[in-house]
Amino acid sequence: MSEKLRAGILGGTGMVGQRFVSLLENHPWFEVTVIAASPRS
């Protein structure tokens, strides 16, 4: 795959969202382009 797929993470301040960020950080297929959270976070 020559070009990475762009990925966004919803709820990036929660435990699961943070785990997704860490898993996708150096992933060969995906590039995290957006991390979203609620205004309360």
PDB file of N, CA and C in Angstrom:
ATOM      1  N   MET A   1       0.862  -1.173   0.000  1.00  0.00           N
ATOM      2  CA  MET A   1       0.000   0.000   0.000  1.00  0.00           C
ATOM      3  C   MET A   1       0.905   1.232   0.000  1.00  0.00           C
ATOM      4  N   SER A   2       0.786   2.038  -1.003  1.00  0.00           N
ATOM      5  CA  SER A   2       1.681   3.182  -1.134  1.00  0.00           C
ATOM      6  C   SER A   2       1.217   4.396  -0.335  1.00  0.00           C
ATOM      7  N   GLU A   3      -0.081   4.542  -0.164  1.00  0.00           N
ATOM      8  CA  GLU A   3      -0.613   5.697   0.555  1.00  0.00           C
ATOM      9  C   GLU A   3      -1.392   5.230   1.775  1.00  0.00           C
ATOM     10  N   LYS A   4      -1.149   5.874   2.911  1.00  0.00           N
ATOM     11  CA  LYS A   4      -1.841   5.489   4.141  1.00  0.00           C
ATOM     12  C   LYS A   4      -3.287   5.970   4.113  1.00  0.00           C
ATOM     13  N   LEU A   5      -4.154   5.220   4.768  1.00  0.00           N
ATOM     14  CA  LEU A   5      -5.553   5.606   4.909  1.00  0.00           C
ATOM     15  C   LEU A   5      -5.668   6.586   6.065  1.00  0.00           C
ATOM     16  N   ARG A   6      -6.404   7.646   5.869  1.00  0.00           N
ATOM     17  CA  ARG A   6      -6.598   8.639   6.924  1.00  0.00           C
ATOM     18  C   ARG A   6      -7.652   8.142   7.898  1.00  0.00           C
ATOM     19  N   ALA A   7      -7.376   8.315   9.194  1.00  0.00           N
ATOM     20  CA  ALA A   7      -8.296   7.848  10.232  1.00  0.00           C
ATOM     21  C   ALA A   7      -8.560   8.969  11.218  1.00  0.00           C
ATOM     22  N   GLY A   8      -9.777   8.996  11.749  1.00  0.00           N
ATOM     23  CA  GLY A   8     -10.151   9.925  12.803  1.00  0.00           C
ATOM     24  C   GLY A   8     -10.586   9.138  14.022  1.00  0.00           C
ATOM     25  N   ILE A   9     -10.322   9.683  15.203  1.00  0.00           N
ATOM     26  CA  ILE A   9     -10.687   8.997  16.440  1.00  0.00           C
ATOM     27  C   ILE A   9     -11.661   9.879  17.209  1.00  0.00           C
ATOM     28  N   LEU A  10     -12.832   9.309  17.522  1.00  0.00           N
ATOM     29  CA  LEU A  10     -13.832  10.005  18.326  1.00  0.00           C
ATOM     30  C   LEU A  10     -13.662   9.584  19.773  1.00  0.00           C
ATOM     31  N   GLY A  11     -13.752  10.528  20.683  1.00  0.00           N
ATOM     32  CA  GLY A  11     -13.586  10.214  22.098  1.00  0.00           C
ATOM     33  C   GLY A  11     -12.132   9.977  22.455  1.00  0.00           C
ATOM     34  N   GLY A  12     -11.259  10.791  21.891  1.00  0.00           N
ATOM     35  CA  GLY A  12      -9.823  10.598  22.053  1.00  0.00           C
ATOM     36  C   GLY A  12      -9.297  10.827  23.453  1.00  0.00           C
ATOM     37  N   THR A  13     -10.099  11.366  24.363  1.00  0.00           N
ATOM     38  CA  THR A  13      -9.619  11.580  25.729  1.00  0.00           C
ATOM     39  C   THR A  13      -9.968  10.429  26.660  1.00  0.00           C
ATOM     40  N   GLY A  14     -10.819   9.524  26.208  1.00  0.00           N
ATOM     41  CA  GLY A  14     -11.182   8.370  27.033  1.00  0.00           C
ATOM     42  C   GLY A  14     -10.133   7.274  26.960  1.00  0.00           C
ATOM     43  N   MET A  15     -10.302   6.251  27.784  1.00  0.00           N
ATOM     44  CA  MET A  15      -9.323   5.160  27.827  1.00  0.00           C
ATOM     45  C   MET A  15      -9.232   4.421  26.497  1.00  0.00           C
ATOM     46  N   VAL A  16     -10.367   4.128  25.884  1.00  0.00           N
ATOM     47  CA  VAL A  16     -10.368   3.396  24.620  1.00  0.00           C
ATOM     48  C   VAL A  16      -9.812   4.272  23.501  1.00  0.00           C
ATOM     49  N   GLY A  17     -10.200   5.539  23.488  1.00  0.00           N
ATOM     50  CA  GLY A  17      -9.675   6.456  22.472  1.00  0.00           C
ATOM     51  C   GLY A  17      -8.177   6.603  22.557  1.00  0.00           C
ATOM     52  N   GLN A  18      -7.638   6.691  23.763  1.00  0.00           N
ATOM     53  CA  GLN A  18      -6.191   6.798  23.938  1.00  0.00           C
ATOM     54  C   GLN A  18      -5.492   5.528  23.474  1.00  0.00           C
ATOM     55  N   ARG A  19      -6.136   4.401  23.695  1.00  0.00           N
ATOM     56  CA  ARG A  19      -5.548   3.125  23.228  1.00  0.00           C
ATOM     57  C   ARG A  19      -5.522   3.088  21.710  1.00  0.00           C
ATOM     58  N   PHE A  20      -6.592   3.551  21.057  1.00  0.00           N
ATOM     59  CA  PHE A  20      -6.599   3.615  19.598  1.00  0.00           C
ATOM     60  C   PHE A  20      -5.483   4.520  19.085  1.00  0.00           C
ATOM     61  N   VAL A  21      -5.287   5.661  19.733  1.00  0.00           N
ATOM     62  CA  VAL A  21      -4.218   6.575  19.326  1.00  0.00           C
ATOM     63  C   VAL A  21      -2.875   5.863  19.409  1.00  0.00           C
ATOM     64  N   SER A  22      -2.623   5.166  20.498  1.00  0.00           N
ATOM     65  CA  SER A  22      -1.335   4.494  20.652  1.00  0.00           C
ATOM     66  C   SER A  22      -1.161   3.355  19.649  1.00  0.00           C
ATOM     67  N   LEU A  23      -2.244   2.637  19.344  1.00  0.00           N
ATOM     68  CA  LEU A  23      -2.147   1.539  18.385  1.00  0.00           C
ATOM     69  C   LEU A  23      -1.916   2.032  16.959  1.00  0.00           C
ATOM     70  N   LEU A  24      -2.528   3.165  16.623  1.00  0.00           N
ATOM     71  CA  LEU A  24      -2.416   3.677  15.254  1.00  0.00           C
ATOM     72  C   LEU A  24      -1.228   4.606  15.042  1.00  0.00           C
ATOM     73  N   GLU A  25      -0.518   4.944  16.110  1.00  0.00           N
ATOM     74  CA  GLU A  25       0.571   5.913  16.027  1.00  0.00           C
ATOM     75  C   GLU A  25       1.626   5.527  14.977  1.00  0.00           C
ATOM     76  N   ASN A  26       2.059   4.287  14.976  1.00  0.00           N
ATOM     77  CA  ASN A  26       3.087   3.845  14.019  1.00  0.00           C
ATOM     78  C   ASN A  26       2.572   2.742  13.103  1.00  0.00           C
ATOM     79  N   HIS A  27       1.270   2.735  12.869  1.00  0.00           N
ATOM     80  CA  HIS A  27       0.673   1.695  12.035  1.00  0.00           C
ATOM     81  C   HIS A  27       1.064   1.912  10.575  1.00  0.00           C
ATOM     82  N   PRO A  28       1.399   0.841   9.860  1.00  0.00           N
ATOM     83  CA  PRO A  28       1.834   1.010   8.464  1.00  0.00           C
ATOM     84  C   PRO A  28       0.713   1.371   7.486  1.00  0.00           C
ATOM     85  N   TRP A  29      -0.560   1.154   7.851  1.00  0.00           N
ATOM     86  CA  TRP A  29      -1.661   1.392   6.918  1.00  0.00           C
ATOM     87  C   TRP A  29      -2.451   2.653   7.198  1.00  0.00           C
ATOM     88  N   PHE A  30      -2.409   3.160   8.444  1.00  0.00           N
ATOM     89  CA  PHE A  30      -3.267   4.269   8.843  1.00  0.00           C
ATOM     90  C   PHE A  30      -2.471   5.467   9.319  1.00  0.00           C
ATOM     91  N   GLU A  31      -3.030   6.645   9.090  1.00  0.00           N
ATOM     92  CA  GLU A  31      -2.480   7.897   9.603  1.00  0.00           C
ATOM     93  C   GLU A  31      -3.600   8.615  10.346  1.00  0.00           C
ATOM     94  N   VAL A  32      -3.394   8.904  11.622  1.00  0.00           N
ATOM     95  CA  VAL A  32      -4.401   9.609  12.407  1.00  0.00           C
ATOM     96  C   VAL A  32      -4.358  11.079  12.013  1.00  0.00           C
ATOM     97  N   THR A  33      -5.478  11.579  11.489  1.00  0.00           N
ATOM     98  CA  THR A  33      -5.528  12.968  11.033  1.00  0.00           C
ATOM     99  C   THR A  33      -6.400  13.841  11.922  1.00  0.00           C
ATOM    100  N   VAL A  34      -7.342  13.233  12.661  1.00  0.00           N
ATOM    101  CA  VAL A  34      -8.258  13.983  13.517  1.00  0.00           C
ATOM    102  C   VAL A  34      -8.493  13.211  14.806  1.00  0.00           C
ATOM    103  N   ILE A  35      -8.453  13.942  15.915  1.00  0.00           N
ATOM    104  CA  ILE A  35      -8.848  13.361  17.201  1.00  0.00           C
ATOM    105  C   ILE A  35      -9.917  14.300  17.778  1.00  0.00           C
ATOM    106  N   ALA A  36     -11.089  13.760  18.063  1.00  0.00           N
ATOM    107  CA  ALA A  36     -12.197  14.578  18.549  1.00  0.00           C
ATOM    108  C   ALA A  36     -12.605  14.152  19.953  1.00  0.00           C
ATOM    109  N   ALA A  37     -13.083  15.129  20.727  1.00  0.00           N
ATOM    110  CA  ALA A  37     -13.558  14.862  22.081  1.00  0.00           C
ATOM    111  C   ALA A  37     -14.712  15.822  22.377  1.00  0.00           C
ATOM    112  N   SER A  38     -15.447  15.498  23.422  1.00  0.00           N
ATOM    113  CA  SER A  38     -16.543  16.384  23.794  1.00  0.00           C
ATOM    114  C   SER A  38     -15.980  17.678  24.404  1.00  0.00           C
ATOM    115  N   PRO A  39     -16.747  18.768  24.376  1.00  0.00           N
ATOM    116  CA  PRO A  39     -16.269  20.028  24.945  1.00  0.00           C
ATOM    117  C   PRO A  39     -15.958  19.939  26.442  1.00  0.00           C
ATOM    118  N   ARG A  40     -16.554  18.985  27.127  1.00  0.00           N
ATOM    119  CA  ARG A  40     -16.310  18.834  28.562  1.00  0.00           C
ATOM    120  C   ARG A  40     -14.956  18.249  28.890  1.00  0.00           C
ATOM    121  N   SER A  41     -14.305  17.629  27.901  1.00  0.00           N
ATOM    122  CA  SER A  41     -13.033  16.930  28.162  1.00  0.00           C
ATOM    123  C   SER A  41     -11.851  17.862  28.210  1.00  0.00           C
TER     124      SER A  41
END
